[in-house]
Amino acid sequence: MWSDSESMGKTGCIVLISVSVVIAVALGLGLGLGLGLNSKNDVNQDYFDNVQDDERIDCYPEGLENAEEECQRRGCFWKEVTEPDAPQCFHPPSHGYDLASDPEDTTLGWTAQLSLKERPGRYERDINNLNLDVEMQTDSRLRFKIYAGDDRYEVPISVDTPTTKASNPVYDVAYSTDPAFGLKITRKSTGTVVFDSRLPGFTFDDQFLQISTRLPSANIYGFGEHIHESFRHDLNWKTWGIFTRDTLPLEDRNLYGHHPFYICVEDDGKAHGVFIMNSNAMDVTLLPAPILTYRIVGGVLDFYIFMGPTPENVVQQYLTLVGKPVMPPYWALGFHLSKWDYGSLTVMRDVVEDMRANNMPHDVQYADIDYMDEQRSFTVDPVNYVGLGDFIDEIHSYGQKFIIILDHSIAKMDGYEPYTRGHELDVFVKYNSSTNEELIGRMWPPGDNVFPDFMDESAVNWWTEQCVKFHNTTLDFDALWVDMNEPSNMIDGSIRGCGDDRWNNPPYLPKLYKAPGFVGTIYEETLCMDADHHGMSHYNVHSLYGYSHAKATHSALREIFPDKRSMVLTRSNFPSTSRYAYHWLGDNKSQWKHMKWSVIGQLQYIVSGIMMVYTGGLAPFRWTQAKLLNVDIGKGSQWVGSACGSVQWMMEFSLFGFPFIGADICGFIEDTTEEMCQRWMQLGAFYPFARNHNARDAVPQHPTVFSERMTASSREILLHRYTLLPFLYTLFYEANTKGSTVVRSLMHEFPTDEQALTVQEQFLWGPCLMIVPVMTEGEDAVGGYFPDARWYSYYSGGEIPAQAHGEWVVIIADLDHIPVYVRGGYILPTQEPANTTVFSRKNPLGLIVALDDNNEAVGSLYWDDGESRDPVENNAYSLLEFSVSRNTLTMTVVKDSYVSPDNLFFNEIKVYGLNSEPTGIVVDDSAVDDYSFDSDLMVLTIVNQTLPMMDDHEISWPMF
């Protein structure tokens, strides 16, 4: 620890405070400028004269009437701007806190006290004295926490907390006190300042916290849950609200999740991440400087800095803190099918049987709220869904699974056992802390509803009791889908409205979505903020409702399935939710929305010189050279609709630690078209969570309802998905044990590639399988970017020519094709597919070997029984490692704690990227003849092998 300030003593503090008083008086008199009376005042005058528009920290973000007058009342500067989005009212550099005591050492770092510099109060609830704790928790993780006493609300989620100080941290921590207190955190190896709060405007009022940091680069990713116009953030004075909300996923809205976490890729390609553990409503503003400003309406400033240095390292370090994602059962990786309101069990059965008759892969069938009796959870419609229990038994006989939906609210009805039992146990949210009356809102079914307080242990026990009883007596479901748990309310607050107090009307309202025709309140379409959760206010824990609901449901399923993995699918979420549940991306639309953000610099077909155009479909392809000096971009300039949004949205949730993620394939709201659905089925086959789901008023969109061509195309791409499930399952093992990502952006793997930093219409599975979907109506081509590496067609093994490395390429892809590529240097385990995972898991295995520039490759395969609970913790799995060097593939069993009863073996190995034809093939010291070599594609295929999975093997191909 060190200080870069020369003004730490009492004299410095006194001088700074006196200057604040002078400036406040001057501004109060309407003078506008802090005219210099001493050297400290000169700092403010110099700042006023010279600060750039893009560095101004907004002092009046409300932007209401009488702005200049209010600006002066707050003791802030008022000055005209040249940039239209810059604030006229901005903080002077003296606004903030002083260091009130010398730092003292602690077990993990140091602590100090801060005192408010004298200035006009902003919202009349200034907190004068603060505590600062700085903790060097690990060599790559720093925590600093600014708080006021021990009785202030903090997020009640346990995280990883070391007990000893880091021995060799890769960061330095410094502070300054002139003209106000600020922290500076620096990467030792490069000197890059990764967090720098030495900026004006640090505020800690009771209901308004503000802190800013200077960013080391403009490459910012994360914050959610939103639809962002680009994966890399727009820094042009863009503000994003963060507070869980039930609303349609459209631009500029705060959505279902609450994720105040971002990753910054520094100019040299190193990455760091920043997370604030705070569940209160907030917004974040990104300034062009670049600068980031947080404004939060409660809690404490509890920051964690993750030093990477790669984006993957950052995510792993973040998930080490908040918890790594739960391992899915193998069947969850299959294809899921759902619809809100099939209308009857007869229609649902017809759809399932149609899928089966067309040999369509289909592992999981869903029932939405239409299966319920008048939309009440824990009931079954006795007319339209009579026999549902028997149908679930039938589903199980085919090796398939069945998931039902449960909503978050409970109908307030006499004689309705879930309510009467919950009322007896006192599990529902109350109107406020001074009454024992249950808050009543409106939800499914239309009418009075109450809301379980899932943060209370009695509510968790009640929920478990209800789920267990319903499973054991009514429906033998395999997993649960919990919805509307932001929490949603069909009226504002309650049937009584909400009280006119500081919780329901906070002095600062973050930039949150306001529905058309609504006034705009913090409790819009949710609960009153003063509602009581057994001693905690909804104001503080609103964004934790979905987290606590998902956690309670996870607990219930562990009671129902004590020895097996199930799954919870939740809409609302918060950091740590992925320890218990998975997330889908909500109520999207079946639209080709032509969004300009898909052509921000990266998908323009304006190229020069020689480019390579892929001209094949699923069959082995050839590349042809084409002069593309003046490519027509008329249609290409209106690129991707909502499907593209789902791609970058999916990549963001990968950063947030939710690897099992996906959007509703073919869209949820409105009618799809066959072309749109066909393209979306192709894309969705590469969502980690692949579910086709749509709304009750929309036309059916299951893949067999369309033409034979569409059905065949969907079957083909789903079979490719099932072929790759061993690879995908291995990625989930790495996510569960290491905190690794499953879906990745190109930025994630190529952070030093400036083009890769902006790519958002293609993505990777792990480090090596690149998907380039076509997402434009009427197009049979797509722009793809190939970072500098060897790339091969997944389908045929043909290599992308070296001229295309580091270039944008126009890829011809007809309606039946989605381009997919394998990166050199990696080995992908595969398996012969079937229509369900129960049967595909019994089939022979294979390997795709893609050689790099050194003719080497590595890979692995994780395997367990696919459903036992906690297989890693219980040492019930096997792990195989693969490597290629010197024309030899080595297959090594490094752990053999699970042996499949199906006697699995490897029967086919494909090697992409050979330099010449082999002279022969040797498998475990024996020559074999069952192989072929394509001299055009330079692909070796070894077939008809029976290499036991649990034995070591060596395969070589000597070269001419």
Foldseek 3Di string as FASTA:
>chain_A
DEAPAPQQDPVLLVVLLVLQVQLLVCLLVVVQALDDPDPQSVQQNVCVVDPAQLQFAAPCVVPDPPVSNLLSLQSWHADDHPDPLGDRTGHGLSFDWAFPDDWDADQFGTKTKIAGRDHRDNQPQFDGIWIWDWGQFELFKIKIWIGDDDPFDFDPAAWDGDRGYYDHHQKDWYWYCVSHIWIWIAGNVPRQTAWIQSGPDQGDGAFKGKTKTAHQDQLKAFFADALALFRRHDQDFDKAKFADDPDAHDHRAGYFEGFQKMKGQHQQRFIKMKGWRARFIWMWTAGPVGMIMIIGGGDIGMMMMGRGRFLQSRLLVLCNTQHFFFAFFLQLQAEEEAEAPCPAVVSVVVVVVLCVVLQFFYAEYEYEQVQACQSAPLHGPCPRYPCVQVVQVVCVVVNHFYEYEDEFKGAPDPPPVLNVVCVVLLFWWAQADVDSHFFWFADRPGDTITGGLLVDPSSLVSVLVSVLCSCVPPHVHQAYEYECQLVFGPAFAGPVHHDPDCLFPPPDDGSHDDDPPGPDTPRGRHHRQRIDNPNDTCSRCSLCRQLSVQQSRQVSVCVNVVWWGGAYEYDHDYRSSSRRHAYEPDAWALDFQQRQSQPPPFFDQADADWFWEWDDFLPDTDIDIDGPHDPDCPQVSRAFGVLLSQQSSQQNVLSSNRQQYYYAQSGADEEHDLLQNLLSLLVLLPRSRRYHYYYDVYDDRDQSVDDPLSVVLSRVSSQVSQQQSQQQSVLSVCSNPRVGHQKHQQCSQCVNQPNSSRDRQWIDGPNWKIWRGGGGPPAQKGKDAAAQWWKAFPSHLFTDDNVRHRHIHIYGHHSSHTTMITTAAEKGKTFRGGSGPVVRVLTAIEIEHHHIPQGKHKYKGKDAPSITGPCVVVVGIWMWIWMDDPQKIKIGTPGPNHDDPSQYFHFKYKYHDDPAAFPFKAKQNRTDDQWDADGVRRMIMHGGDGHGNNDIMMMGGHHD
